[in-house]
C-alpha cells in the first residue's frame, strides 16, 4: 500500500495496532491507533503493541468497540487472565471449548 492508503486505513480505525513495512529497506514501524490517531509508534513488536493498546484502553477508561467487544473480552479475560470470574455467555462457552 502507498502512504495515502495507509493513512486512510488508519483514519478508519477506532482502536488497533499496525505494522508498516518499508519495501525498499528492512525497516518497519509498529504502533497503536486510538480514535484514528497514531498514539504510539516505533514499538518493538506486535505483542508489545497489543499490551500497550490494552493499557491505554484501561488507563483512558475507554469502552471496547461494539463490534469487537467479544474479541477484546477473550483477550482480557482468557488470554491475559484479568477479571476471569465475570465472563459473558459467549466467552464462557469459548473458554469451556478451549479447556475441554
PDB file of N, CA and C in Angstrom:
ATOM      1  N   UNK A   1       0.841  -1.184   0.000  1.00  0.00           N
ATOM      2  CA  UNK A   1       0.000   0.000   0.000  1.00  0.00           C
ATOM      3  C   UNK A   1       0.881   1.241   0.000  1.00  0.00           C
ATOM      4  N   UNK A   2       0.413   2.272  -0.635  1.00  0.00           N
ATOM      5  CA  UNK A   2       1.155   3.530  -0.594  1.00  0.00           C
ATOM      6  C   UNK A   2       0.800   4.296   0.684  1.00  0.00           C
ATOM      7  N   UNK A   3       1.527   5.365   0.948  1.00  0.00           N
ATOM      8  CA  UNK A   3       1.361   6.125   2.199  1.00  0.00           C
ATOM      9  C   UNK A   3      -0.049   6.685   2.347  1.00  0.00           C
ATOM     10  N   UNK A   4      -0.654   7.138   1.266  1.00  0.00           N
ATOM     11  CA  UNK A   4      -2.008   7.690   1.334  1.00  0.00           C
ATOM     12  C   UNK A   4      -3.020   6.621   1.721  1.00  0.00           C
ATOM     13  N   UNK A   5      -2.890   5.422   1.170  1.00  0.00           N
ATOM     14  CA  UNK A   5      -3.802   4.327   1.505  1.00  0.00           C
ATOM     15  C   UNK A   5      -3.632   3.896   2.958  1.00  0.00           C
ATOM     16  N   UNK A   6      -2.390   3.896   3.434  1.00  0.00           N
ATOM     17  CA  UNK A   6      -2.133   3.541   4.829  1.00  0.00           C
ATOM     18  C   UNK A   6      -2.769   4.569   5.758  1.00  0.00           C
ATOM     19  N   UNK A   7      -2.587   5.841   5.459  1.00  0.00           N
ATOM     20  CA  UNK A   7      -3.183   6.897   6.296  1.00  0.00           C
ATOM     21  C   UNK A   7      -4.700   6.831   6.277  1.00  0.00           C
ATOM     22  N   UNK A   8      -5.280   6.506   5.123  1.00  0.00           N
ATOM     23  CA  UNK A   8      -6.733   6.385   5.027  1.00  0.00           C
ATOM     24  C   UNK A   8      -7.238   5.213   5.863  1.00  0.00           C
ATOM     25  N   UNK A   9      -6.511   4.098   5.849  1.00  0.00           N
ATOM     26  CA  UNK A   9      -6.896   2.940   6.660  1.00  0.00           C
ATOM     27  C   UNK A   9      -6.804   3.268   8.148  1.00  0.00           C
ATOM     28  N   UNK A  10      -5.779   3.997   8.542  1.00  0.00           N
ATOM     29  CA  UNK A  10      -5.635   4.382   9.947  1.00  0.00           C
ATOM     30  C   UNK A  10      -6.751   5.337  10.350  1.00  0.00           C
ATOM     31  N   UNK A  11      -7.156   6.231   9.454  1.00  0.00           N
ATOM     32  CA  UNK A  11      -8.245   7.160   9.759  1.00  0.00           C
ATOM     33  C   UNK A  11      -9.572   6.437   9.966  1.00  0.00           C
ATOM     34  N   UNK A  12      -9.720   5.243   9.373  1.00  0.00           N
ATOM     35  CA  UNK A  12     -10.949   4.468   9.527  1.00  0.00           C
ATOM     36  C   UNK A  12     -10.901   3.514  10.720  1.00  0.00           C
ATOM     37  N   UNK A  13      -9.824   3.543  11.494  1.00  0.00           N
ATOM     38  CA  UNK A  13      -9.634   2.613  12.598  1.00  0.00           C
ATOM     39  C   UNK A  13     -10.013   3.268  13.922  1.00  0.00           C
ATOM     40  N   UNK A  14     -10.863   2.606  14.699  1.00  0.00           N
ATOM     41  CA  UNK A  14     -11.239   3.105  16.017  1.00  0.00           C
ATOM     42  C   UNK A  14     -10.157   2.760  17.029  1.00  0.00           C
ATOM     43  N   UNK A  15      -9.826   1.488  17.155  1.00  0.00           N
ATOM     44  CA  UNK A  15      -8.725   1.039  18.009  1.00  0.00           C
ATOM     45  C   UNK A  15      -7.995  -0.085  17.287  1.00  0.00           C
ATOM     46  N   UNK A  16      -6.691  -0.144  17.464  1.00  0.00           N
ATOM     47  CA  UNK A  16      -5.956  -1.231  16.843  1.00  0.00           C
ATOM     48  C   UNK A  16      -4.465  -1.025  16.885  1.00  0.00           C
ATOM     49  N   UNK A  17      -3.775  -2.004  16.348  1.00  0.00           N
ATOM     50  CA  UNK A  17      -2.330  -1.946  16.192  1.00  0.00           C
ATOM     51  C   UNK A  17      -2.028  -2.021  14.703  1.00  0.00           C
ATOM     52  N   UNK A  18      -0.841  -1.586  14.333  1.00  0.00           N
ATOM     53  CA  UNK A  18      -0.468  -1.663  12.922  1.00  0.00           C
ATOM     54  C   UNK A  18       1.009  -1.999  12.789  1.00  0.00           C
ATOM     55  N   UNK A  19       1.328  -2.583  11.650  1.00  0.00           N
ATOM     56  CA  UNK A  19       2.695  -2.904  11.275  1.00  0.00           C
ATOM     57  C   UNK A  19       2.898  -2.393   9.863  1.00  0.00           C
ATOM     58  N   UNK A  20       3.791  -1.460   9.703  1.00  0.00           N
ATOM     59  CA  UNK A  20       4.067  -0.867   8.399  1.00  0.00           C
ATOM     60  C   UNK A  20       5.499  -1.219   8.028  1.00  0.00           C
ATOM     61  N   UNK A  21       5.662  -1.989   6.953  1.00  0.00           N
ATOM     62  CA  UNK A  21       6.983  -2.389   6.500  1.00  0.00           C
ATOM     63  C   UNK A  21       7.361  -1.579   5.274  1.00  0.00           C
ATOM     64  N   UNK A  22       8.585  -1.127   5.253  1.00  0.00           N
ATOM     65  CA  UNK A  22       9.106  -0.401   4.091  1.00  0.00           C
ATOM     66  C   UNK A  22       9.579  -1.414   3.062  1.00  0.00           C
ATOM     67  N   UNK A  23       9.153  -1.250   1.820  1.00  0.00           N
ATOM     68  CA  UNK A  23       9.511  -2.195   0.762  1.00  0.00           C
ATOM     69  C   UNK A  23      10.984  -2.086   0.375  1.00  0.00           C
ATOM     70  N   UNK A  24      11.530  -0.887   0.432  1.00  0.00           N
ATOM     71  CA  UNK A  24      12.901  -0.689  -0.026  1.00  0.00           C
ATOM     72  C   UNK A  24      13.942  -1.013   1.029  1.00  0.00           C
ATOM     73  N   UNK A  25      13.552  -1.114   2.278  1.00  0.00           N
ATOM     74  CA  UNK A  25      14.504  -1.367   3.354  1.00  0.00           C
ATOM     75  C   UNK A  25      13.930  -2.399   4.321  1.00  0.00           C
ATOM     76  N   UNK A  26      14.738  -2.800   5.252  1.00  0.00           N
ATOM     77  CA  UNK A  26      14.295  -3.769   6.254  1.00  0.00           C
ATOM     78  C   UNK A  26      13.713  -3.075   7.472  1.00  0.00           C
ATOM     79  N   UNK A  27      13.189  -1.889   7.296  1.00  0.00           N
ATOM     80  CA  UNK A  27      12.627  -1.131   8.408  1.00  0.00           C
ATOM     81  C   UNK A  27      11.133  -1.399   8.526  1.00  0.00           C
ATOM     82  N   UNK A  28      10.654  -1.344   9.740  1.00  0.00           N
ATOM     83  CA  UNK A  28       9.231  -1.475   9.976  1.00  0.00           C
ATOM     84  C   UNK A  28       8.820  -0.542  11.105  1.00  0.00           C
ATOM     85  N   UNK A  29       7.573  -0.132  11.057  1.00  0.00           N
ATOM     86  CA  UNK A  29       7.015   0.722  12.108  1.00  0.00           C
ATOM     87  C   UNK A  29       5.835  -0.016  12.720  1.00  0.00           C
ATOM     88  N   UNK A  30       5.856  -0.175  14.030  1.00  0.00           N
ATOM     89  CA  UNK A  30       4.777  -0.833  14.761  1.00  0.00           C
ATOM     90  C   UNK A  30       4.194   0.191  15.715  1.00  0.00           C
ATOM     91  N   UNK A  31       2.868   0.285  15.740  1.00  0.00           N
ATOM     92  CA  UNK A  31       2.267   1.291  16.599  1.00  0.00           C
ATOM     93  C   UNK A  31       0.849   0.955  17.010  1.00  0.00           C
ATOM     94  N   UNK A  32       0.260   1.887  17.743  1.00  0.00           N
ATOM     95  CA  UNK A  32      -1.094   1.761  18.277  1.00  0.00           C
ATOM     96  C   UNK A  32      -1.923   2.936  17.768  1.00  0.00           C
ATOM     97  N   UNK A  33      -3.155   2.633  17.375  1.00  0.00           N
ATOM     98  CA  UNK A  33      -4.090   3.651  16.893  1.00  0.00           C
ATOM     99  C   UNK A  33      -5.288   3.694  17.829  1.00  0.00           C
ATOM    100  N   UNK A  34      -5.647   4.900  18.260  1.00  0.00           N
ATOM    101  CA  UNK A  34      -6.872   5.143  19.029  1.00  0.00           C
ATOM    102  C   UNK A  34      -7.613   6.300  18.385  1.00  0.00           C
ATOM    103  N   UNK A  35      -8.892   6.075  18.109  1.00  0.00           N
ATOM    104  CA  UNK A  35      -9.729   7.132  17.535  1.00  0.00           C
ATOM    105  C   UNK A  35      -9.085   7.762  16.306  1.00  0.00           C
ATOM    106  N   UNK A  36      -8.536   6.930  15.419  1.00  0.00           N
ATOM    107  CA  UNK A  36      -7.936   7.343  14.142  1.00  0.00           C
ATOM    108  C   UNK A  36      -6.647   8.138  14.291  1.00  0.00           C
ATOM    109  N   UNK A  37      -6.012   8.071  15.442  1.00  0.00           N
ATOM    110  CA  UNK A  37      -4.764   8.808  15.683  1.00  0.00           C
ATOM    111  C   UNK A  37      -3.694   7.820  16.112  1.00  0.00           C
ATOM    112  N   UNK A  38      -2.518   7.950  15.508  1.00  0.00           N
ATOM    113  CA  UNK A  38      -1.374   7.134  15.936  1.00  0.00           C
ATOM    114  C   UNK A  38      -0.884   7.682  17.272  1.00  0.00           C
ATOM    115  N   UNK A  39      -1.199   6.974  18.345  1.00  0.00           N
ATOM    116  CA  UNK A  39      -0.838   7.464  19.671  1.00  0.00           C
ATOM    117  C   UNK A  39       0.513   6.934  20.133  1.00  0.00           C
ATOM    118  N   UNK A  40       0.934   5.810  19.598  1.00  0.00           N
ATOM    119  CA  UNK A  40       2.249   5.259  19.919  1.00  0.00           C
ATOM    120  C   UNK A  40       2.855   4.714  18.631  1.00  0.00           C
ATOM    121  N   UNK A  41       4.132   4.994  18.425  1.00  0.00           N
ATOM    122  CA  UNK A  41       4.826   4.495  17.245  1.00  0.00           C
ATOM    123  C   UNK A  41       6.186   3.945  17.661  1.00  0.00           C
ATOM    124  N   UNK A  42       6.818   3.272  16.727  1.00  0.00           N
ATOM    125  CA  UNK A  42       8.168   2.722  16.917  1.00  0.00           C
ATOM    126  C   UNK A  42       8.265   1.780  18.110  1.00  0.00           C
ATOM    127  N   UNK A  43       7.256   0.937  18.267  1.00  0.00           N
ATOM    128  CA  UNK A  43       7.289  -0.074  19.314  1.00  0.00           C
ATOM    129  C   UNK A  43       8.122  -1.267  18.839  1.00  0.00           C
ATOM    130  N   UNK A  44       8.554  -2.104  19.770  1.00  0.00           N
ATOM    131  CA  UNK A  44       9.468  -3.194  19.441  1.00  0.00           C
ATOM    132  C   UNK A  44       8.824  -4.331  18.661  1.00  0.00           C
ATOM    133  N   UNK A  45       7.599  -4.731  19.032  1.00  0.00           N
ATOM    134  CA  UNK A  45       6.949  -5.855  18.360  1.00  0.00           C
ATOM    135  C   UNK A  45       5.437  -5.758  18.528  1.00  0.00           C
ATOM    136  N   UNK A  46       4.723  -6.605  17.791  1.00  0.00           N
ATOM    137  CA  UNK A  46       3.263  -6.566  17.803  1.00  0.00           C
ATOM    138  C   UNK A  46       2.707  -6.955  19.171  1.00  0.00           C
ATOM    139  N   UNK A  47       3.315  -7.941  19.820  1.00  0.00           N
ATOM    140  CA  UNK A  47       2.824  -8.359  21.145  1.00  0.00           C
ATOM    141  C   UNK A  47       2.874  -7.191  22.126  1.00  0.00           C
ATOM    142  N   UNK A  48       3.959  -6.448  22.099  1.00  0.00           N
ATOM    143  CA  UNK A  48       4.078  -5.282  22.980  1.00  0.00           C
ATOM    144  C   UNK A  48       3.049  -4.220  22.601  1.00  0.00           C
ATOM    145  N   UNK A  49       2.780  -4.058  21.307  1.00  0.00           N
ATOM    146  CA  UNK A  49       1.781  -3.090  20.851  1.00  0.00           C
ATOM    147  C   UNK A  49       0.393  -3.465  21.364  1.00  0.00           C
ATOM    148  N   UNK A  50       0.054  -4.765  21.360  1.00  0.00           N
ATOM    149  CA  UNK A  50      -1.248  -5.211  21.863  1.00  0.00           C
ATOM    150  C   UNK A  50      -1.360  -4.941  23.361  1.00  0.00           C
ATOM    151  N   UNK A  51      -0.291  -5.220  24.102  1.00  0.00           N
ATOM    152  CA  UNK A  51      -0.301  -4.953  25.542  1.00  0.00           C
ATOM    153  C   UNK A  51      -0.452  -3.455  25.802  1.00  0.00           C
ATOM    154  N   UNK A  52       0.241  -2.633  25.026  1.00  0.00           N
ATOM    155  CA  UNK A  52       0.113  -1.186  25.189  1.00  0.00           C
ATOM    156  C   UNK A  52      -1.298  -0.709  24.842  1.00  0.00           C
ATOM    157  N   UNK A  53      -1.911  -1.329  23.837  1.00  0.00           N
ATOM    158  CA  UNK A  53      -3.286  -0.995  23.480  1.00  0.00           C
ATOM    159  C   UNK A  53      -4.220  -1.272  24.656  1.00  0.00           C
ATOM    160  N   UNK A  54      -4.085  -2.439  25.288  1.00  0.00           N
ATOM    161  CA  UNK A  54      -4.916  -2.744  26.450  1.00  0.00           C
ATOM    162  C   UNK A  54      -4.631  -1.783  27.599  1.00  0.00           C
ATOM    163  N   UNK A  55      -3.375  -1.442  27.799  1.00  0.00           N
ATOM    164  CA  UNK A  55      -3.031  -0.490  28.849  1.00  0.00           C
ATOM    165  C   UNK A  55      -3.653   0.871  28.606  1.00  0.00           C
ATOM    166  N   UNK A  56      -3.635   1.326  27.366  1.00  0.00           N
ATOM    167  CA  UNK A  56      -4.249   2.616  27.039  1.00  0.00           C
ATOM    168  C   UNK A  56      -5.762   2.575  27.211  1.00  0.00           C
ATOM    169  N   UNK A  57      -6.382   1.484  26.787  1.00  0.00           N
ATOM    170  CA  UNK A  57      -7.834   1.357  26.949  1.00  0.00           C
ATOM    171  C   UNK A  57      -8.195   1.411  28.433  1.00  0.00           C
ATOM    172  N   UNK A  58      -7.408   0.729  29.260  1.00  0.00           N
ATOM    173  CA  UNK A  58      -7.665   0.720  30.697  1.00  0.00           C
ATOM    174  C   UNK A  58      -7.389   2.090  31.313  1.00  0.00           C
ATOM    175  N   UNK A  59      -6.227   2.682  30.991  1.00  0.00           N
ATOM    176  CA  UNK A  59      -5.832   3.954  31.603  1.00  0.00           C
ATOM    177  C   UNK A  59      -6.764   5.096  31.206  1.00  0.00           C
ATOM    178  N   UNK A  60      -7.241   5.072  29.976  1.00  0.00           N
ATOM    179  CA  UNK A  60      -8.123   6.132  29.495  1.00  0.00           C
ATOM    180  C   UNK A  60      -9.594   5.810  29.733  1.00  0.00           C
ATOM    181  N   UNK A  61      -9.865   4.650  30.330  1.00  0.00           N
ATOM    182  CA  UNK A  61     -11.219   4.209  30.642  1.00  0.00           C
ATOM    183  C   UNK A  61     -12.111   4.214  29.400  1.00  0.00           C
ATOM    184  N   UNK A  62     -11.592   3.654  28.313  1.00  0.00           N
ATOM    185  CA  UNK A  62     -12.342   3.576  27.068  1.00  0.00           C
ATOM    186  C   UNK A  62     -13.177   2.309  27.040  1.00  0.00           C
ATOM    187  N   UNK A  63     -14.299   2.366  26.378  1.00  0.00           N
ATOM    188  CA  UNK A  63     -15.123   1.177  26.176  1.00  0.00           C
ATOM    189  C   UNK A  63     -14.622   0.450  24.929  1.00  0.00           C
ATOM    190  N   UNK A  64     -14.723  -0.871  24.949  1.00  0.00           N
ATOM    191  CA  UNK A  64     -14.359  -1.637  23.761  1.00  0.00           C
ATOM    192  C   UNK A  64     -15.333  -1.303  22.639  1.00  0.00           C
ATOM    193  N   UNK A  65     -14.869  -1.251  21.395  1.00  0.00           N
ATOM    194  CA  UNK A  65     -15.801  -1.030  20.283  1.00  0.00           C
ATOM    195  C   UNK A  65     -16.848  -2.140  20.249  1.00  0.00           C
ATOM    196  N   UNK A  66     -18.079  -1.780  19.942  1.00  0.00           N
ATOM    197  CA  UNK A  66     -19.187  -2.740  19.998  1.00  0.00           C
ATOM    198  C   UNK A  66     -18.947  -3.950  19.106  1.00  0.00           C
ATOM    199  N   UNK A  67     -18.408  -3.736  17.919  1.00  0.00           N
ATOM    200  CA  UNK A  67     -18.205  -4.857  17.007  1.00  0.00           C
ATOM    201  C   UNK A  67     -17.004  -5.728  17.377  1.00  0.00           C
ATOM    202  N   UNK A  68     -16.171  -5.280  18.298  1.00  0.00           N
ATOM    203  CA  UNK A  68     -15.006  -6.059  18.747  1.00  0.00           C
ATOM    204  C   UNK A  68     -15.069  -6.402  20.238  1.00  0.00           C
ATOM    205  N   UNK A  69     -16.221  -6.211  20.850  1.00  0.00           N
ATOM    206  CA  UNK A  69     -16.358  -6.393  22.295  1.00  0.00           C
ATOM    207  C   UNK A  69     -15.927  -7.791  22.739  1.00  0.00           C
ATOM    208  N   UNK A  70     -16.435  -8.818  22.068  1.00  0.00           N
ATOM    209  CA  UNK A  70     -16.114 -10.190  22.481  1.00  0.00           C
ATOM    210  C   UNK A  70     -14.652 -10.526  22.209  1.00  0.00           C
ATOM    211  N   UNK A  71     -14.081 -10.000  21.151  1.00  0.00           N
ATOM    212  CA  UNK A  71     -12.659 -10.224  20.854  1.00  0.00           C
ATOM    213  C   UNK A  71     -11.793  -9.677  21.978  1.00  0.00           C
ATOM    214  N   UNK A  72     -12.043  -8.449  22.384  1.00  0.00           N
ATOM    215  CA  UNK A  72     -11.279  -7.851  23.472  1.00  0.00           C
ATOM    216  C   UNK A  72     -11.548  -8.564  24.796  1.00  0.00           C
ATOM    217  N   UNK A  73     -12.783  -9.017  25.002  1.00  0.00           N
ATOM    218  CA  UNK A  73     -13.093  -9.730  26.237  1.00  0.00           C
ATOM    219  C   UNK A  73     -12.333 -11.055  26.306  1.00  0.00           C
ATOM    220  N   UNK A  74     -12.206 -11.757  25.187  1.00  0.00           N
ATOM    221  CA  UNK A  74     -11.439 -13.007  25.155  1.00  0.00           C
ATOM    222  C   UNK A  74      -9.981 -12.731  25.481  1.00  0.00           C
ATOM    223  N   UNK A  75      -9.400 -11.711  24.865  1.00  0.00           N
ATOM    224  CA  UNK A  75      -8.008 -11.368  25.161  1.00  0.00           C
ATOM    225  C   UNK A  75      -7.829 -11.041  26.639  1.00  0.00           C
ATOM    226  N   UNK A  76      -8.715 -10.204  27.171  1.00  0.00           N
ATOM    227  CA  UNK A  76      -8.577  -9.747  28.547  1.00  0.00           C
ATOM    228  C   UNK A  76      -8.813 -10.871  29.549  1.00  0.00           C
ATOM    229  N   UNK A  77      -9.901 -11.591  29.385  1.00  0.00           N
ATOM    230  CA  UNK A  77     -10.324 -12.498  30.445  1.00  0.00           C
ATOM    231  C   UNK A  77      -9.814 -13.925  30.296  1.00  0.00           C
ATOM    232  N   UNK A  78      -9.509 -14.357  29.085  1.00  0.00           N
ATOM    233  CA  UNK A  78      -8.995 -15.719  28.906  1.00  0.00           C
ATOM    234  C   UNK A  78      -7.481 -15.710  28.738  1.00  0.00           C
ATOM    235  N   UNK A  79      -6.982 -14.954  27.776  1.00  0.00           N
ATOM    236  CA  UNK A  79      -5.545 -14.982  27.496  1.00  0.00           C
ATOM    237  C   UNK A  79      -4.728 -14.256  28.558  1.00  0.00           C
ATOM    238  N   UNK A  80      -5.196 -13.081  28.985  1.00  0.00           N
ATOM    239  CA  UNK A  80      -4.443 -12.299  29.965  1.00  0.00           C
ATOM    240  C   UNK A  80      -4.862 -12.636  31.400  1.00  0.00           C
ATOM    241  N   UNK A  81      -5.946 -13.397  31.563  1.00  0.00           N
ATOM    242  CA  UNK A  81      -6.464 -13.834  32.857  1.00  0.00           C
ATOM    243  C   UNK A  81      -6.738 -12.680  33.815  1.00  0.00           C
ATOM    244  N   UNK A  82      -7.335 -11.618  33.294  1.00  0.00           N
ATOM    245  CA  UNK A  82      -7.723 -10.473  34.110  1.00  0.00           C
ATOM    246  C   UNK A  82      -9.239 -10.475  34.270  1.00  0.00           C
ATOM    247  N   UNK A  83      -9.716 -10.456  35.493  1.00  0.00           N
ATOM    248  CA  UNK A  83     -11.151 -10.436  35.784  1.00  0.00           C
ATOM    249  C   UNK A  83     -11.854 -11.634  35.147  1.00  0.00           C
ATOM    250  N   UNK A  84     -11.230 -12.803  35.250  1.00  0.00           N
ATOM    251  CA  UNK A  84     -11.740 -14.009  34.606  1.00  0.00           C
ATOM    252  C   UNK A  84     -12.981 -14.596  35.237  1.00  0.00           C
ATOM    253  N   UNK A  85     -13.403 -14.104  36.380  1.00  0.00           N
ATOM    254  CA  UNK A  85     -14.590 -14.627  37.035  1.00  0.00           C
ATOM    255  C   UNK A  85     -15.894 -14.125  36.437  1.00  0.00           C
ATOM    256  N   UNK A  86     -15.844 -13.048  35.702  1.00  0.00           N
ATOM    257  CA  UNK A  86     -17.044 -12.444  35.125  1.00  0.00           C
ATOM    258  C   UNK A  86     -16.970 -12.556  33.605  1.00  0.00           C
ATOM    259  N   UNK A  87     -17.500 -13.651  33.065  1.00  0.00           N
ATOM    260  CA  UNK A  87     -17.472 -13.877  31.622  1.00  0.00           C
ATOM    261  C   UNK A  87     -18.874 -13.792  31.051  1.00  0.00           C
ATOM    262  N   UNK A  88     -18.969 -13.240  29.844  1.00  0.00           N
ATOM    263  CA  UNK A  88     -20.254 -13.280  29.150  1.00  0.00           C
ATOM    264  C   UNK A  88     -20.502 -14.726  28.714  1.00  0.00           C
ATOM    265  N   UNK A  89     -21.730 -15.038  28.367  1.00  0.00           N
ATOM    266  CA  UNK A  89     -22.085 -16.406  27.989  1.00  0.00           C
ATOM    267  C   UNK A  89     -21.287 -16.887  26.783  1.00  0.00           C
ATOM    268  N   UNK A  90     -21.099 -16.041  25.791  1.00  0.00           N
ATOM    269  CA  UNK A  90     -20.355 -16.435  24.590  1.00  0.00           C
ATOM    270  C   UNK A  90     -18.887 -16.718  24.910  1.00  0.00           C
ATOM    271  N   UNK A  91     -18.297 -15.880  25.720  1.00  0.00           N
ATOM    272  CA  UNK A  91     -16.882 -16.064  26.071  1.00  0.00           C
ATOM    273  C   UNK A  91     -16.727 -17.276  26.981  1.00  0.00           C
ATOM    274  N   UNK A  92     -17.676 -17.508  27.879  1.00  0.00           N
ATOM    275  CA  UNK A  92     -17.633 -18.683  28.736  1.00  0.00           C
ATOM    276  C   UNK A  92     -17.718 -19.965  27.910  1.00  0.00           C
ATOM    277  N   UNK A  93     -18.578 -19.974  26.897  1.00  0.00           N
ATOM    278  CA  UNK A  93     -18.686 -21.141  26.023  1.00  0.00           C
ATOM    279  C   UNK A  93     -17.372 -21.393  25.285  1.00  0.00           C
ATOM    280  N   UNK A  94     -16.733 -20.332  24.826  1.00  0.00           N
ATOM    281  CA  UNK A  94     -15.446 -20.477  24.140  1.00  0.00           C
ATOM    282  C   UNK A  94     -14.377 -20.992  25.096  1.00  0.00           C
ATOM    283  N   UNK A  95     -14.354 -20.471  26.307  1.00  0.00           N
ATOM    284  CA  UNK A  95     -13.372 -20.922  27.300  1.00  0.00           C
ATOM    285  C   UNK A  95     -13.571 -22.398  27.625  1.00  0.00           C
ATOM    286  N   UNK A  96     -14.816 -22.809  27.788  1.00  0.00           N
ATOM    287  CA  UNK A  96     -15.112 -24.224  28.045  1.00  0.00           C
ATOM    288  C   UNK A  96     -14.659 -25.094  26.878  1.00  0.00           C
ATOM    289  N   UNK A  97     -14.841 -24.597  25.672  1.00  0.00           N
ATOM    290  CA  UNK A  97     -14.415 -25.338  24.480  1.00  0.00           C
ATOM    291  C   UNK A  97     -12.895 -25.468  24.439  1.00  0.00           C
ATOM    292  N   UNK A  98     -12.176 -24.414  24.818  1.00  0.00           N
ATOM    293  CA  UNK A  98     -10.708 -24.430  24.832  1.00  0.00           C
ATOM    294  C   UNK A  98     -10.167 -25.444  25.827  1.00  0.00           C
ATOM    295  N   UNK A  99     -10.770 -25.509  27.007  1.00  0.00           N
ATOM    296  CA  UNK A  99     -10.205 -26.280  28.098  1.00  0.00           C
ATOM    297  C   UNK A  99     -10.904 -27.625  28.329  1.00  0.00           C
ATOM    298  N   UNK A 100     -11.591 -28.142  27.331  1.00  0.00           N
ATOM    299  CA  UNK A 100     -12.217 -29.466  27.451  1.00  0.00           C
ATOM    300  C   UNK A 100     -11.188 -30.553  27.292  1.00  0.00           C
TER     301      UNK A 100
END
